[in-house]
Amino acid sequence: MMMEDVKPSNGTSNSIEHISNEVANVKIENGREKSSPGSPAPGCVHVAGTGSSASILTNFKAFSKFGDTKSDGKHITLSQSDKWMKQAKVVDGKKITTTDTGIYFKKQKSMKLSMEQYKAFLEELAKAKKIELTEIKNKMANCGPPGITSSVVGPKAASAVDRLTDVSKYTGSHKQRFDETGKGKGIAGRKDIPDASGYVQGYQNKDTYKGQ
């Protein structure tokens, strides 16, 4: 016996349509549509090679509040921008200097720039200095919040510290503060303590009489 195709009734069809609508609505939560996996969230810049997205908007708000407790995070000053760019290694004193940022920042004809104005500032700066805009944005998006640095003491700095703390190379009064092993003498190395032993200064046979 061959089974005939069963067509859904009107009631079943309406139920399927209702369930489909509910599934579609799951994508929207609290009035905001979720981003699909792998796609950057709004206001984010994808960083090539890292597989992650970092938000320039987040750092814009953070740096616009840096040093200004009354800031609403919607406008940024030149000094705050320079702080951001220095931390992101965009301002390096060679390709881009604070003089450059000052010139193109003031071209926006405002002491404080909104996010849209700041984007225009970055575009003009990148074009004038012949640097890829995406490179600047990636650095500024991934530099971390204000005050976070990744500086590491290099070999040159370490060798300089070793050289400056080598007591065997000290001269003059500084040399008198340490003994032959490099251990500090304490107050004896800093002050002249009177000798009350009764011997004249420089006498070589001190305390030898008692042993005879």
N, C-alpha and C. Protein backbone atom coordinates (compact mmCIF):
# COMPACT_ATOMS: atom_id res chain seq x y z
N MET A 1 0.85 -1.19 0.00
CA MET A 1 0.00 0.00 0.00
C MET A 1 0.88 1.24 0.00
N MET A 2 0.63 2.17 -0.90
CA MET A 2 1.38 3.42 -0.98
C MET A 2 0.70 4.47 -0.14
N MET A 3 1.54 5.18 0.63
CA MET A 3 0.99 6.22 1.50
C MET A 3 0.89 7.53 0.73
N GLU A 4 -0.25 8.15 0.85
CA GLU A 4 -0.48 9.43 0.17
C GLU A 4 0.14 10.56 0.97
N ASP A 5 0.59 11.63 0.27
CA ASP A 5 1.14 12.81 0.95
C ASP A 5 0.05 13.46 1.77
N VAL A 6 0.40 13.77 3.01
CA VAL A 6 -0.57 14.39 3.91
C VAL A 6 -0.31 15.88 3.96
N LYS A 7 -1.24 16.67 3.56
CA LYS A 7 -1.11 18.12 3.57
C LYS A 7 -1.55 18.65 4.92
N PRO A 8 -0.78 19.61 5.48
CA PRO A 8 -1.16 20.16 6.78
C PRO A 8 -2.44 20.95 6.68
N SER A 9 -3.25 20.85 7.72
CA SER A 9 -4.49 21.61 7.77
C SER A 9 -4.19 23.07 8.04
N ASN A 10 -5.22 23.91 7.92
CA ASN A 10 -5.03 25.34 8.15
C ASN A 10 -4.52 25.60 9.56
N GLY A 11 -5.01 24.85 10.55
CA GLY A 11 -4.58 25.05 11.93
C GLY A 11 -3.11 24.73 12.11
N THR A 12 -2.69 23.60 11.47
CA THR A 12 -1.27 23.21 11.58
C THR A 12 -0.38 24.22 10.89
N SER A 13 -0.81 24.71 9.72
CA SER A 13 -0.04 25.71 8.98
C SER A 13 0.15 26.98 9.78
N ASN A 14 -0.92 27.42 10.46
CA ASN A 14 -0.82 28.64 11.28
C ASN A 14 0.14 28.44 12.44
N SER A 15 0.14 27.22 13.01
CA SER A 15 1.03 26.94 14.13
C SER A 15 2.49 26.99 13.69
N ILE A 16 2.77 26.40 12.51
CA ILE A 16 4.15 26.41 11.98
C ILE A 16 4.61 27.84 11.73
N GLU A 17 3.70 28.64 11.17
CA GLU A 17 4.05 30.04 10.89
C GLU A 17 4.30 30.80 12.17
N HIS A 18 3.52 30.50 13.22
CA HIS A 18 3.68 31.17 14.50
C HIS A 18 5.04 30.82 15.13
N ILE A 19 5.41 29.54 15.04
CA ILE A 19 6.70 29.09 15.59
C ILE A 19 7.86 29.73 14.84
N SER A 20 7.72 29.86 13.53
CA SER A 20 8.78 30.48 12.72
C SER A 20 8.99 31.93 13.13
N ASN A 21 7.88 32.63 13.39
CA ASN A 21 7.99 34.02 13.82
C ASN A 21 8.68 34.13 15.17
N GLU A 22 8.36 33.17 16.06
CA GLU A 22 8.99 33.21 17.38
C GLU A 22 10.50 32.97 17.28
N VAL A 23 10.89 32.04 16.40
CA VAL A 23 12.32 31.76 16.20
C VAL A 23 13.03 33.00 15.66
N ALA A 24 12.38 33.71 14.75
CA ALA A 24 12.96 34.92 14.19
C ALA A 24 13.10 36.00 15.24
N ASN A 25 12.14 36.04 16.16
CA ASN A 25 12.18 37.08 17.21
C ASN A 25 13.24 36.81 18.26
N VAL A 26 13.70 35.52 18.32
CA VAL A 26 14.74 35.18 19.29
C VAL A 26 16.02 35.95 19.00
N LYS A 27 16.24 36.33 17.75
CA LYS A 27 17.44 37.05 17.35
C LYS A 27 17.49 38.46 17.92
N ILE A 28 16.35 38.95 18.35
CA ILE A 28 16.29 40.31 18.88
C ILE A 28 16.09 40.23 20.39
N GLU A 29 16.98 40.81 21.13
CA GLU A 29 16.90 40.76 22.59
C GLU A 29 17.10 42.15 23.15
N ASN A 30 16.12 42.58 23.98
CA ASN A 30 16.18 43.93 24.56
C ASN A 30 16.29 45.01 23.50
N GLY A 31 15.64 44.81 22.39
CA GLY A 31 15.60 45.83 21.34
C GLY A 31 16.87 45.90 20.53
N ARG A 32 17.77 44.91 20.67
CA ARG A 32 19.04 44.95 19.95
C ARG A 32 19.25 43.62 19.27
N GLU A 33 19.60 43.65 17.99
CA GLU A 33 19.80 42.43 17.22
C GLU A 33 21.19 41.90 17.48
N LYS A 34 21.28 40.60 17.76
CA LYS A 34 22.57 39.98 18.03
C LYS A 34 23.35 39.86 16.73
N SER A 35 24.68 40.00 16.85
CA SER A 35 25.54 39.85 15.69
C SER A 35 25.76 38.38 15.42
N SER A 36 25.84 38.02 14.18
CA SER A 36 26.11 36.64 13.82
C SER A 36 27.55 36.31 14.15
N PRO A 37 27.86 35.01 14.42
CA PRO A 37 29.23 34.63 14.80
C PRO A 37 30.23 35.04 13.74
N GLY A 38 31.35 35.64 14.20
CA GLY A 38 32.41 36.04 13.28
C GLY A 38 32.26 37.41 12.71
N SER A 39 31.11 38.05 12.92
CA SER A 39 30.93 39.41 12.38
C SER A 39 31.19 40.41 13.47
N PRO A 40 31.88 41.54 13.16
CA PRO A 40 32.20 42.54 14.17
C PRO A 40 30.96 43.27 14.64
N ALA A 41 30.96 43.63 15.92
CA ALA A 41 29.83 44.38 16.48
C ALA A 41 29.87 45.80 15.97
N PRO A 42 28.71 46.50 16.04
CA PRO A 42 28.67 47.88 15.57
C PRO A 42 29.69 48.72 16.32
N GLY A 43 30.40 49.62 15.58
CA GLY A 43 31.37 50.49 16.20
C GLY A 43 32.71 49.84 16.42
N CYS A 44 32.91 48.62 15.86
CA CYS A 44 34.15 47.89 16.06
C CYS A 44 34.92 47.82 14.76
N VAL A 45 36.23 47.69 14.90
CA VAL A 45 37.09 47.56 13.74
C VAL A 45 37.76 46.20 13.80
N HIS A 46 37.65 45.42 12.74
CA HIS A 46 38.27 44.10 12.73
C HIS A 46 39.77 44.25 12.57
N VAL A 47 40.53 43.57 13.41
CA VAL A 47 41.98 43.65 13.37
C VAL A 47 42.49 42.44 12.62
N ALA A 48 43.11 42.68 11.48
CA ALA A 48 43.58 41.60 10.65
C ALA A 48 44.66 40.80 11.36
N GLY A 49 44.54 39.49 11.27
CA GLY A 49 45.57 38.62 11.83
C GLY A 49 45.35 38.27 13.28
N THR A 50 44.42 38.91 13.97
CA THR A 50 44.22 38.60 15.38
C THR A 50 42.97 37.78 15.61
N GLY A 51 42.04 37.81 14.65
CA GLY A 51 40.82 37.03 14.79
C GLY A 51 39.87 37.62 15.81
N SER A 52 40.04 38.88 16.18
CA SER A 52 39.17 39.50 17.16
C SER A 52 38.80 40.90 16.71
N SER A 53 37.81 41.48 17.36
CA SER A 53 37.38 42.83 17.05
C SER A 53 37.63 43.72 18.24
N ALA A 54 38.14 44.89 18.00
CA ALA A 54 38.39 45.85 19.08
C ALA A 54 37.67 47.14 18.75
N SER A 55 37.13 47.76 19.74
CA SER A 55 36.29 48.92 19.53
C SER A 55 37.05 50.23 19.69
N ILE A 56 37.09 51.01 18.63
CA ILE A 56 37.65 52.36 18.71
C ILE A 56 36.72 53.24 19.52
N LEU A 57 35.43 53.00 19.40
CA LEU A 57 34.45 53.80 20.13
C LEU A 57 34.65 53.65 21.64
N THR A 58 34.95 52.44 22.10
CA THR A 58 35.18 52.20 23.52
C THR A 58 36.38 53.00 24.02
N ASN A 59 37.48 52.97 23.25
CA ASN A 59 38.68 53.72 23.64
C ASN A 59 38.46 55.22 23.50
N PHE A 60 37.65 55.63 22.53
CA PHE A 60 37.34 57.06 22.37
C PHE A 60 36.67 57.58 23.64
N LYS A 61 35.71 56.82 24.15
CA LYS A 61 35.01 57.23 25.37
C LYS A 61 35.94 57.24 26.57
N ALA A 62 36.82 56.22 26.64
CA ALA A 62 37.73 56.10 27.78
C ALA A 62 38.73 57.25 27.81
N PHE A 63 39.34 57.54 26.67
CA PHE A 63 40.35 58.59 26.62
C PHE A 63 39.74 59.99 26.70
N SER A 64 38.50 60.14 26.25
CA SER A 64 37.84 61.45 26.35
C SER A 64 37.47 61.78 27.78
N LYS A 65 37.48 60.77 28.65
CA LYS A 65 37.21 61.00 30.08
C LYS A 65 38.50 61.06 30.90
N PHE A 66 39.62 60.76 30.25
CA PHE A 66 40.90 60.71 30.95
C PHE A 66 41.31 62.11 31.42
N GLY A 67 41.46 62.27 32.71
CA GLY A 67 41.85 63.57 33.27
C GLY A 67 40.72 64.57 33.36
N ASP A 68 39.51 64.17 33.01
CA ASP A 68 38.36 65.08 33.05
C ASP A 68 37.16 64.32 33.63
N THR A 69 36.94 64.48 34.90
CA THR A 69 35.86 63.75 35.57
C THR A 69 34.47 64.21 35.13
N LYS A 70 34.38 65.40 34.54
CA LYS A 70 33.08 65.93 34.11
C LYS A 70 32.74 65.58 32.67
N SER A 71 33.65 64.92 31.97
CA SER A 71 33.42 64.59 30.57
C SER A 71 32.33 63.54 30.42
N ASP A 72 31.51 63.68 29.38
CA ASP A 72 30.44 62.71 29.11
C ASP A 72 30.90 61.61 28.15
N GLY A 73 32.16 61.67 27.72
CA GLY A 73 32.68 60.63 26.84
C GLY A 73 32.29 60.78 25.39
N LYS A 74 31.70 61.92 25.03
CA LYS A 74 31.25 62.12 23.65
C LYS A 74 32.16 63.05 22.86
N HIS A 75 33.05 63.75 23.55
CA HIS A 75 33.96 64.68 22.87
C HIS A 75 35.36 64.52 23.45
N ILE A 76 36.37 64.65 22.59
CA ILE A 76 37.75 64.46 23.00
C ILE A 76 38.59 65.70 22.69
N THR A 77 39.52 66.02 23.58
CA THR A 77 40.39 67.19 23.39
C THR A 77 41.68 66.77 22.69
N LEU A 78 42.48 67.75 22.30
CA LEU A 78 43.75 67.47 21.62
C LEU A 78 44.72 66.75 22.56
N SER A 79 44.81 67.20 23.81
CA SER A 79 45.73 66.56 24.76
C SER A 79 45.32 65.11 25.04
N GLN A 80 44.02 64.86 25.13
CA GLN A 80 43.54 63.49 25.34
C GLN A 80 43.82 62.63 24.12
N SER A 81 43.66 63.23 22.93
CA SER A 81 43.94 62.51 21.69
C SER A 81 45.42 62.16 21.58
N ASP A 82 46.28 63.11 21.94
CA ASP A 82 47.73 62.87 21.89
C ASP A 82 48.13 61.76 22.87
N LYS A 83 47.50 61.76 24.05
CA LYS A 83 47.76 60.71 25.03
C LYS A 83 47.39 59.34 24.43
N TRP A 84 46.26 59.28 23.79
CA TRP A 84 45.78 58.06 23.15
C TRP A 84 46.75 57.60 22.05
N MET A 85 47.14 58.55 21.19
CA MET A 85 48.00 58.21 20.06
C MET A 85 49.40 57.81 20.49
N LYS A 86 49.89 58.43 21.56
CA LYS A 86 51.21 58.04 22.07
C LYS A 86 51.18 56.63 22.64
N GLN A 87 50.13 56.33 23.37
CA GLN A 87 50.00 54.99 23.95
C GLN A 87 49.85 53.94 22.85
N ALA A 88 49.20 54.31 21.75
CA ALA A 88 48.99 53.38 20.64
C ALA A 88 50.18 53.34 19.69
N LYS A 89 51.22 54.13 19.97
CA LYS A 89 52.42 54.20 19.14
C LYS A 89 52.13 54.78 17.75
N VAL A 90 51.06 55.55 17.64
CA VAL A 90 50.77 56.25 16.39
C VAL A 90 51.67 57.48 16.32
N VAL A 91 51.70 58.24 17.41
CA VAL A 91 52.64 59.36 17.52
C VAL A 91 53.96 58.78 18.01
N ASP A 92 54.96 58.76 17.11
CA ASP A 92 56.25 58.17 17.45
C ASP A 92 57.38 59.19 17.41
N GLY A 93 57.04 60.46 17.09
CA GLY A 93 58.06 61.49 17.03
C GLY A 93 58.82 61.52 15.72
N LYS A 94 58.50 60.59 14.82
CA LYS A 94 59.18 60.53 13.52
C LYS A 94 58.18 60.71 12.37
N LYS A 95 57.39 59.64 12.13
CA LYS A 95 56.39 59.73 11.06
C LYS A 95 55.29 60.72 11.44
N ILE A 96 54.83 60.62 12.67
CA ILE A 96 53.77 61.52 13.16
C ILE A 96 54.22 62.10 14.49
N THR A 97 54.12 63.43 14.60
CA THR A 97 54.50 64.13 15.82
C THR A 97 53.27 64.84 16.40
N THR A 98 53.43 65.37 17.61
CA THR A 98 52.33 66.12 18.21
C THR A 98 52.08 67.43 17.47
N THR A 99 53.08 67.90 16.75
CA THR A 99 52.87 69.09 15.91
C THR A 99 51.90 68.76 14.79
N ASP A 100 52.07 67.58 14.18
CA ASP A 100 51.16 67.14 13.12
C ASP A 100 49.74 66.99 13.63
N THR A 101 49.59 66.34 14.77
CA THR A 101 48.25 66.14 15.31
C THR A 101 47.59 67.47 15.67
N GLY A 102 48.39 68.41 16.17
CA GLY A 102 47.85 69.73 16.52
C GLY A 102 47.33 70.48 15.31
N ILE A 103 48.07 70.38 14.20
CA ILE A 103 47.67 71.09 12.97
C ILE A 103 46.35 70.56 12.44
N TYR A 104 46.23 69.23 12.32
CA TYR A 104 45.03 68.65 11.70
C TYR A 104 43.85 68.58 12.67
N PHE A 105 44.15 68.56 13.96
CA PHE A 105 43.07 68.61 14.95
C PHE A 105 42.39 69.97 14.90
N LYS A 106 43.18 71.04 14.82
CA LYS A 106 42.64 72.40 14.82
C LYS A 106 41.93 72.74 13.50
N LYS A 107 42.19 71.94 12.46
CA LYS A 107 41.48 72.15 11.20
C LYS A 107 40.00 71.82 11.32
N GLN A 108 39.64 71.07 12.35
CA GLN A 108 38.23 70.74 12.58
C GLN A 108 37.48 71.91 13.22
N LYS A 109 38.24 72.97 13.57
CA LYS A 109 37.67 74.22 14.08
C LYS A 109 36.83 74.01 15.34
N SER A 110 37.37 73.18 16.24
CA SER A 110 36.70 72.95 17.51
C SER A 110 37.74 72.48 18.52
N MET A 111 37.56 72.91 19.78
CA MET A 111 38.48 72.52 20.84
C MET A 111 38.25 71.07 21.26
N LYS A 112 37.03 70.60 21.08
CA LYS A 112 36.67 69.22 21.39
C LYS A 112 35.97 68.61 20.19
N LEU A 113 36.34 67.39 19.84
CA LEU A 113 35.77 66.75 18.65
C LEU A 113 34.84 65.59 19.03
N SER A 114 33.74 65.51 18.30
CA SER A 114 32.85 64.36 18.45
C SER A 114 33.47 63.18 17.72
N MET A 115 32.83 62.01 17.81
CA MET A 115 33.36 60.82 17.15
C MET A 115 33.42 61.02 15.64
N GLU A 116 32.41 61.62 15.06
CA GLU A 116 32.39 61.84 13.61
C GLU A 116 33.48 62.82 13.20
N GLN A 117 33.65 63.89 13.97
CA GLN A 117 34.71 64.86 13.68
C GLN A 117 36.09 64.21 13.83
N TYR A 118 36.19 63.34 14.81
CA TYR A 118 37.48 62.69 15.06
C TYR A 118 37.85 61.75 13.91
N LYS A 119 36.84 61.09 13.33
CA LYS A 119 37.09 60.23 12.17
C LYS A 119 37.63 61.05 11.01
N ALA A 120 37.06 62.25 10.80
CA ALA A 120 37.52 63.13 9.74
C ALA A 120 38.96 63.58 10.01
N PHE A 121 39.27 63.83 11.28
CA PHE A 121 40.62 64.23 11.68
C PHE A 121 41.61 63.12 11.36
N LEU A 122 41.26 61.88 11.68
CA LEU A 122 42.15 60.75 11.41
C LEU A 122 42.36 60.54 9.91
N GLU A 123 41.30 60.73 9.14
CA GLU A 123 41.40 60.57 7.69
C GLU A 123 42.35 61.60 7.10
N GLU A 124 42.22 62.86 7.53
CA GLU A 124 43.10 63.92 7.01
C GLU A 124 44.55 63.68 7.44
N LEU A 125 44.74 63.27 8.68
CA LEU A 125 46.09 63.01 9.18
C LEU A 125 46.75 61.87 8.43
N ALA A 126 46.02 60.79 8.22
CA ALA A 126 46.56 59.63 7.51
C ALA A 126 46.90 59.98 6.06
N LYS A 127 46.04 60.75 5.43
CA LYS A 127 46.26 61.14 4.04
C LYS A 127 47.48 62.05 3.92
N ALA A 128 47.62 62.99 4.85
CA ALA A 128 48.73 63.94 4.80
C ALA A 128 50.07 63.27 5.07
N LYS A 129 50.07 62.29 5.98
CA LYS A 129 51.32 61.62 6.35
C LYS A 129 51.57 60.35 5.53
N LYS A 130 50.65 60.06 4.60
CA LYS A 130 50.77 58.91 3.71
C LYS A 130 50.90 57.59 4.48
N ILE A 131 49.99 57.43 5.44
CA ILE A 131 49.92 56.21 6.24
C ILE A 131 48.52 55.62 6.10
N GLU A 132 48.43 54.29 6.04
CA GLU A 132 47.14 53.64 5.91
C GLU A 132 46.25 53.96 7.11
N LEU A 133 45.03 54.39 6.82
CA LEU A 133 44.08 54.73 7.89
C LEU A 133 43.76 53.51 8.74
N THR A 134 43.66 52.35 8.11
CA THR A 134 43.34 51.12 8.86
C THR A 134 44.45 50.78 9.86
N GLU A 135 45.68 51.09 9.50
CA GLU A 135 46.81 50.84 10.39
C GLU A 135 46.70 51.69 11.65
N ILE A 136 46.35 52.96 11.46
CA ILE A 136 46.19 53.87 12.61
C ILE A 136 45.03 53.41 13.48
N LYS A 137 43.90 53.06 12.85
CA LYS A 137 42.72 52.64 13.61
C LYS A 137 42.99 51.35 14.39
N ASN A 138 43.69 50.40 13.76
CA ASN A 138 43.98 49.14 14.44
C ASN A 138 44.83 49.36 15.68
N LYS A 139 45.82 50.23 15.57
CA LYS A 139 46.69 50.52 16.72
C LYS A 139 45.90 51.19 17.84
N MET A 140 45.04 52.13 17.47
CA MET A 140 44.28 52.87 18.46
C MET A 140 43.18 52.03 19.09
N ALA A 141 42.72 51.02 18.36
CA ALA A 141 41.68 50.14 18.89
C ALA A 141 42.25 49.10 19.84
N ASN A 142 43.53 48.81 19.73
CA ASN A 142 44.12 47.72 20.50
C ASN A 142 45.17 48.16 21.51
N CYS A 143 45.23 49.45 21.80
CA CYS A 143 46.26 49.95 22.73
C CYS A 143 45.86 49.78 24.18
N GLY A 144 44.61 49.39 24.44
CA GLY A 144 44.15 49.23 25.81
C GLY A 144 43.62 50.53 26.39
N PRO A 145 43.06 50.48 27.60
CA PRO A 145 42.53 51.68 28.24
C PRO A 145 43.66 52.63 28.64
N PRO A 146 43.34 53.87 29.00
CA PRO A 146 44.38 54.85 29.37
C PRO A 146 45.29 54.34 30.48
N GLY A 147 46.59 54.55 30.27
CA GLY A 147 47.55 54.18 31.29
C GLY A 147 48.15 52.81 31.14
N ILE A 148 47.62 51.98 30.21
CA ILE A 148 48.14 50.63 30.02
C ILE A 148 49.25 50.67 28.98
N THR A 149 50.44 50.22 29.38
CA THR A 149 51.57 50.17 28.46
C THR A 149 52.17 48.79 28.47
N SER A 150 52.92 48.49 27.43
CA SER A 150 53.55 47.17 27.32
C SER A 150 55.06 47.29 27.22
N SER A 151 55.61 48.34 27.83
CA SER A 151 57.05 48.55 27.75
C SER A 151 57.79 47.48 28.55
N VAL A 152 58.88 46.99 27.99
CA VAL A 152 59.68 45.97 28.64
C VAL A 152 61.12 46.46 28.70
N VAL A 153 61.78 46.24 29.84
CA VAL A 153 63.17 46.67 29.98
C VAL A 153 64.03 45.81 29.08
N GLY A 154 64.73 46.44 28.15
CA GLY A 154 65.54 45.71 27.19
C GLY A 154 66.93 45.44 27.72
N PRO A 155 67.76 44.72 26.93
CA PRO A 155 69.13 44.38 27.35
C PRO A 155 69.99 45.60 27.64
N LYS A 156 69.81 46.68 26.84
CA LYS A 156 70.62 47.88 27.03
C LYS A 156 70.32 48.52 28.37
N ALA A 157 69.03 48.59 28.71
CA ALA A 157 68.64 49.19 29.99
C ALA A 157 69.16 48.36 31.15
N ALA A 158 69.09 47.04 31.01
CA ALA A 158 69.56 46.15 32.08
C ALA A 158 71.06 46.30 32.29
N SER A 159 71.82 46.38 31.19
CA SER A 159 73.28 46.53 31.31
C SER A 159 73.64 47.86 31.93
N ALA A 160 72.87 48.89 31.64
CA ALA A 160 73.13 50.21 32.23
C ALA A 160 72.91 50.18 33.74
N VAL A 161 71.87 49.47 34.17
CA VAL A 161 71.60 49.34 35.61
C VAL A 161 72.73 48.57 36.29
N ASP A 162 73.19 47.50 35.66
CA ASP A 162 74.29 46.72 36.23
C ASP A 162 75.55 47.55 36.37
N ARG A 163 75.81 48.38 35.36
CA ARG A 163 77.01 49.22 35.38
C ARG A 163 76.94 50.26 36.50
N LEU A 164 75.77 50.84 36.69
CA LEU A 164 75.62 51.89 37.69
C LEU A 164 75.60 51.34 39.12
N THR A 165 75.31 50.05 39.28
CA THR A 165 75.25 49.46 40.62
C THR A 165 76.47 48.61 40.95
N ASP A 166 77.48 48.64 40.09
CA ASP A 166 78.72 47.91 40.34
C ASP A 166 79.61 48.74 41.26
N VAL A 167 79.66 48.37 42.56
CA VAL A 167 80.38 49.19 43.55
C VAL A 167 81.89 49.15 43.34
N SER A 168 82.39 48.15 42.60
CA SER A 168 83.84 48.06 42.37
C SER A 168 84.34 49.19 41.48
N LYS A 169 83.40 49.85 40.79
CA LYS A 169 83.78 50.95 39.90
C LYS A 169 83.56 52.32 40.52
N TYR A 170 83.08 52.34 41.78
CA TYR A 170 82.87 53.62 42.45
C TYR A 170 84.21 54.26 42.80
N THR A 171 84.24 55.57 42.83
CA THR A 171 85.46 56.30 43.17
C THR A 171 85.16 57.34 44.25
N GLY A 172 86.24 57.92 44.79
CA GLY A 172 86.09 59.01 45.75
C GLY A 172 85.38 58.58 47.02
N SER A 173 84.55 59.48 47.55
CA SER A 173 83.86 59.21 48.81
C SER A 173 82.85 58.08 48.70
N HIS A 174 82.32 57.86 47.50
CA HIS A 174 81.36 56.77 47.31
C HIS A 174 82.02 55.41 47.49
N LYS A 175 83.29 55.30 47.10
CA LYS A 175 84.02 54.04 47.24
C LYS A 175 84.22 53.68 48.71
N GLN A 176 84.33 54.70 49.57
CA GLN A 176 84.57 54.47 50.99
C GLN A 176 83.35 53.91 51.72
N ARG A 177 82.20 53.93 51.06
CA ARG A 177 80.97 53.46 51.71
C ARG A 177 80.82 51.95 51.66
N PHE A 178 81.70 51.25 50.91
CA PHE A 178 81.58 49.80 50.76
C PHE A 178 82.91 49.13 51.08
N ASP A 179 82.82 47.87 51.56
CA ASP A 179 84.05 47.12 51.82
C ASP A 179 84.48 46.37 50.57
N GLU A 180 85.49 45.49 50.71
CA GLU A 180 86.04 44.78 49.55
C GLU A 180 85.03 43.84 48.89
N THR A 181 84.06 43.35 49.68
CA THR A 181 83.07 42.41 49.14
C THR A 181 81.88 43.12 48.49
N GLY A 182 81.84 44.44 48.60
CA GLY A 182 80.72 45.19 48.04
C GLY A 182 79.61 45.46 49.03
N LYS A 183 79.81 45.05 50.29
CA LYS A 183 78.80 45.26 51.32
C LYS A 183 78.94 46.67 51.90
N GLY A 184 77.80 47.32 52.12
CA GLY A 184 77.83 48.67 52.67
C GLY A 184 78.34 48.70 54.10
N LYS A 185 79.08 49.75 54.43
CA LYS A 185 79.64 49.88 55.78
C LYS A 185 78.68 50.56 56.75
N GLY A 186 77.55 51.00 56.25
CA GLY A 186 76.61 51.68 57.13
C GLY A 186 77.07 53.08 57.46
N ILE A 187 76.87 53.51 58.71
CA ILE A 187 77.22 54.87 59.11
C ILE A 187 78.74 55.11 59.05
N ALA A 188 79.50 54.04 59.22
CA ALA A 188 80.96 54.17 59.16
C ALA A 188 81.43 54.59 57.77
N GLY A 189 80.64 54.28 56.77
CA GLY A 189 81.01 54.66 55.41
C GLY A 189 80.53 56.04 55.03
N ARG A 190 79.71 56.64 55.91
CA ARG A 190 79.18 57.97 55.60
C ARG A 190 79.73 59.08 56.49
N LYS A 191 80.22 58.71 57.66
CA LYS A 191 80.71 59.72 58.60
C LYS A 191 82.09 59.34 59.12
N ASP A 192 82.88 60.34 59.48
CA ASP A 192 84.18 60.11 60.10
C ASP A 192 83.98 59.94 61.59
N ILE A 193 84.20 58.73 62.08
CA ILE A 193 84.02 58.44 63.51
C ILE A 193 85.36 58.60 64.22
N PRO A 194 85.43 59.44 65.26
CA PRO A 194 86.70 59.67 65.97
C PRO A 194 87.26 58.39 66.57
N ASP A 195 88.57 58.19 66.48
CA ASP A 195 89.23 57.01 67.04
C ASP A 195 89.69 57.36 68.46
N ALA A 196 89.05 56.73 69.44
CA ALA A 196 89.38 57.00 70.85
C ALA A 196 90.27 55.94 71.45
N SER A 197 90.98 55.19 70.60
CA SER A 197 91.83 54.10 71.10
C SER A 197 93.11 54.61 71.75
N GLY A 198 93.52 55.85 71.46
CA GLY A 198 94.77 56.39 72.02
C GLY A 198 95.94 56.27 71.08
N TYR A 199 95.77 55.55 69.96
CA TYR A 199 96.85 55.44 68.98
C TYR A 199 96.80 56.60 68.00
N VAL A 200 97.93 56.98 67.50
CA VAL A 200 97.98 58.05 66.50
C VAL A 200 97.50 57.49 65.17
N GLN A 201 97.01 58.38 64.33
CA GLN A 201 96.47 57.96 63.04
C GLN A 201 97.58 57.38 62.16
N GLY A 202 97.31 56.24 61.60
CA GLY A 202 98.27 55.60 60.71
C GLY A 202 99.21 54.63 61.39
N TYR A 203 99.08 54.42 62.71
CA TYR A 203 99.95 53.48 63.43
C TYR A 203 99.63 52.06 62.99
N GLN A 204 100.66 51.31 62.54
CA GLN A 204 100.45 50.00 61.95
C GLN A 204 100.38 48.85 62.96
N ASN A 205 100.92 49.04 64.17
CA ASN A 205 101.02 47.95 65.13
C ASN A 205 99.99 48.05 66.24
N LYS A 206 98.81 48.53 65.88
CA LYS A 206 97.74 48.69 66.86
C LYS A 206 97.33 47.35 67.46
N ASP A 207 97.22 47.31 68.80
CA ASP A 207 96.77 46.14 69.56
C ASP A 207 97.78 44.98 69.54
N THR A 208 98.99 45.18 69.07
CA THR A 208 99.97 44.08 69.05
C THR A 208 100.66 43.92 70.39
N TYR A 209 100.70 44.93 71.21
CA TYR A 209 101.40 44.88 72.50
C TYR A 209 100.74 43.89 73.45
N LYS A 210 99.39 43.82 73.39
CA LYS A 210 98.67 42.93 74.31
C LYS A 210 98.96 41.47 74.05
N GLY A 211 99.33 41.17 72.83
CA GLY A 211 99.59 39.78 72.50
C GLY A 211 100.97 39.32 72.88
N GLN A 212 101.82 40.21 73.30
CA GLN A 212 103.20 39.85 73.63
C GLN A 212 103.32 39.43 75.09
